[in-house]
Amino acid sequence: MYMGLIEKDFYTIKELAEALGISRISVFKRVRQGSIRGQKMGRNFVIFKKDVDLKKLFTEVKTNKTPS
């Protein structure tokens, strides 16, 4: 209802994908391969803000360092 007013401690896959400018599938792959630490909650994954360095991830994404 007032999601804009609530401060969350985590990102969803969709939110992180939008922040990094990559697809949701790319974020899923990185979570599954361990380059992004995520936790399964029900049917979804969440990425805790304390576990992710957006500047570092953004740099890796922009230099095309895709996990193999």
C-alpha atoms as a PDB file:
ATOM      1  CA  MET A   1       0.000   0.000   0.000  1.00  0.00           C
ATOM      2  CA  TYR A   2       2.684   2.528   1.024  1.00  0.00           C
ATOM      3  CA  MET A   3       5.688   0.632  -0.365  1.00  0.00           C
ATOM      4  CA  GLY A   4       7.393   3.882  -1.316  1.00  0.00           C
ATOM      5  CA  LEU A   5       7.497   4.849   2.350  1.00  0.00           C
ATOM      6  CA  ILE A   6       8.792   1.551   3.704  1.00  0.00           C
ATOM      7  CA  GLU A   7      12.555   1.143   3.760  1.00  0.00           C
ATOM      8  CA  LYS A   8      13.520  -2.425   2.901  1.00  0.00           C
ATOM      9  CA  ASP A   9      16.747  -4.208   3.790  1.00  0.00           C
ATOM     10  CA  PHE A  10      16.766  -6.249   0.593  1.00  0.00           C
ATOM     11  CA  TYR A  11      16.399  -6.146  -3.179  1.00  0.00           C
ATOM     12  CA  THR A  12      14.208  -8.406  -5.254  1.00  0.00           C
ATOM     13  CA  ILE A  13      15.634  -9.973  -8.401  1.00  0.00           C
ATOM     14  CA  LYS A  14      13.644  -7.490 -10.469  1.00  0.00           C
ATOM     15  CA  GLU A  15      14.825  -4.464  -8.477  1.00  0.00           C
ATOM     16  CA  LEU A  16      18.461  -5.500  -8.690  1.00  0.00           C
ATOM     17  CA  ALA A  17      18.179  -6.189 -12.415  1.00  0.00           C
ATOM     18  CA  GLU A  18      16.726  -2.708 -12.982  1.00  0.00           C
ATOM     19  CA  ALA A  19      19.423  -1.083 -10.831  1.00  0.00           C
ATOM     20  CA  LEU A  20      22.197  -2.860 -12.759  1.00  0.00           C
ATOM     21  CA  GLY A  21      20.594  -2.470 -16.172  1.00  0.00           C
ATOM     22  CA  ILE A  22      20.582  -6.206 -16.910  1.00  0.00           C
ATOM     23  CA  SER A  23      17.866  -8.809 -17.327  1.00  0.00           C
ATOM     24  CA  ARG A  24      16.252 -10.724 -14.488  1.00  0.00           C
ATOM     25  CA  ILE A  25      17.626 -13.925 -16.004  1.00  0.00           C
ATOM     26  CA  SER A  26      21.179 -12.567 -15.728  1.00  0.00           C
ATOM     27  CA  VAL A  27      20.613 -11.812 -12.047  1.00  0.00           C
ATOM     28  CA  PHE A  28      19.158 -15.316 -11.509  1.00  0.00           C
ATOM     29  CA  LYS A  29      22.249 -16.852 -13.143  1.00  0.00           C
ATOM     30  CA  ARG A  30      24.576 -14.830 -10.942  1.00  0.00           C
ATOM     31  CA  VAL A  31      22.638 -15.811  -7.806  1.00  0.00           C
ATOM     32  CA  ARG A  32      22.648 -19.497  -8.741  1.00  0.00           C
ATOM     33  CA  GLN A  33      26.382 -19.404  -9.539  1.00  0.00           C
ATOM     34  CA  GLY A  34      27.175 -17.591  -6.309  1.00  0.00           C
ATOM     35  CA  SER A  35      28.591 -14.318  -7.643  1.00  0.00           C
ATOM     36  CA  ILE A  36      25.573 -12.586  -6.074  1.00  0.00           C
ATOM     37  CA  ARG A  37      24.574 -13.866  -2.648  1.00  0.00           C
ATOM     38  CA  GLY A  38      20.827 -14.403  -2.557  1.00  0.00           C
ATOM     39  CA  GLN A  39      18.416 -16.239  -0.319  1.00  0.00           C
ATOM     40  CA  LYS A  40      15.319 -18.120  -1.376  1.00  0.00           C
ATOM     41  CA  MET A  41      12.163 -16.941   0.357  1.00  0.00           C
ATOM     42  CA  GLY A  42       9.186 -18.953  -0.751  1.00  0.00           C
ATOM     43  CA  ARG A  43       9.126 -18.879  -4.542  1.00  0.00           C
ATOM     44  CA  ASN A  44      11.342 -15.811  -4.786  1.00  0.00           C
ATOM     45  CA  PHE A  45      14.910 -14.797  -4.114  1.00  0.00           C
ATOM     46  CA  VAL A  46      15.943 -11.788  -2.078  1.00  0.00           C
ATOM     47  CA  ILE A  47      19.350 -10.157  -2.022  1.00  0.00           C
ATOM     48  CA  PHE A  48      20.120  -8.422   1.241  1.00  0.00           C
ATOM     49  CA  LYS A  49      21.569  -4.950   0.820  1.00  0.00           C
ATOM     50  CA  LYS A  50      24.345  -5.720   3.308  1.00  0.00           C
ATOM     51  CA  ASP A  51      25.490  -8.610   1.084  1.00  0.00           C
ATOM     52  CA  VAL A  52      25.821  -6.674  -2.170  1.00  0.00           C
ATOM     53  CA  ASP A  53      28.150  -3.914  -3.353  1.00  0.00           C
ATOM     54  CA  LEU A  54      26.196  -2.186  -6.124  1.00  0.00           C
ATOM     55  CA  LYS A  55      29.191  -0.187  -7.370  1.00  0.00           C
ATOM     56  CA  LYS A  56      31.319  -3.321  -7.755  1.00  0.00           C
ATOM     57  CA  LEU A  57      28.499  -5.287  -9.399  1.00  0.00           C
ATOM     58  CA  PHE A  58      27.706  -2.420 -11.764  1.00  0.00           C
ATOM     59  CA  THR A  59      31.374  -2.258 -12.818  1.00  0.00           C
ATOM     60  CA  GLU A  60      31.489  -6.029 -13.386  1.00  0.00           C
ATOM     61  CA  VAL A  61      28.306  -5.937 -15.452  1.00  0.00           C
ATOM     62  CA  LYS A  62      29.475  -3.014 -17.579  1.00  0.00           C
ATOM     63  CA  THR A  63      32.835  -4.683 -18.293  1.00  0.00           C
ATOM     64  CA  ASN A  64      30.961  -7.856 -19.286  1.00  0.00           C
ATOM     65  CA  LYS A  65      32.452 -10.047 -16.585  1.00  0.00           C
ATOM     66  CA  THR A  66      29.765 -12.686 -16.815  1.00  0.00           C
ATOM     67  CA  PRO A  67      30.064 -15.673 -14.512  1.00  0.00           C
ATOM     68  CA  SER A  68      30.785 -18.925 -16.298  1.00  0.00           C
END
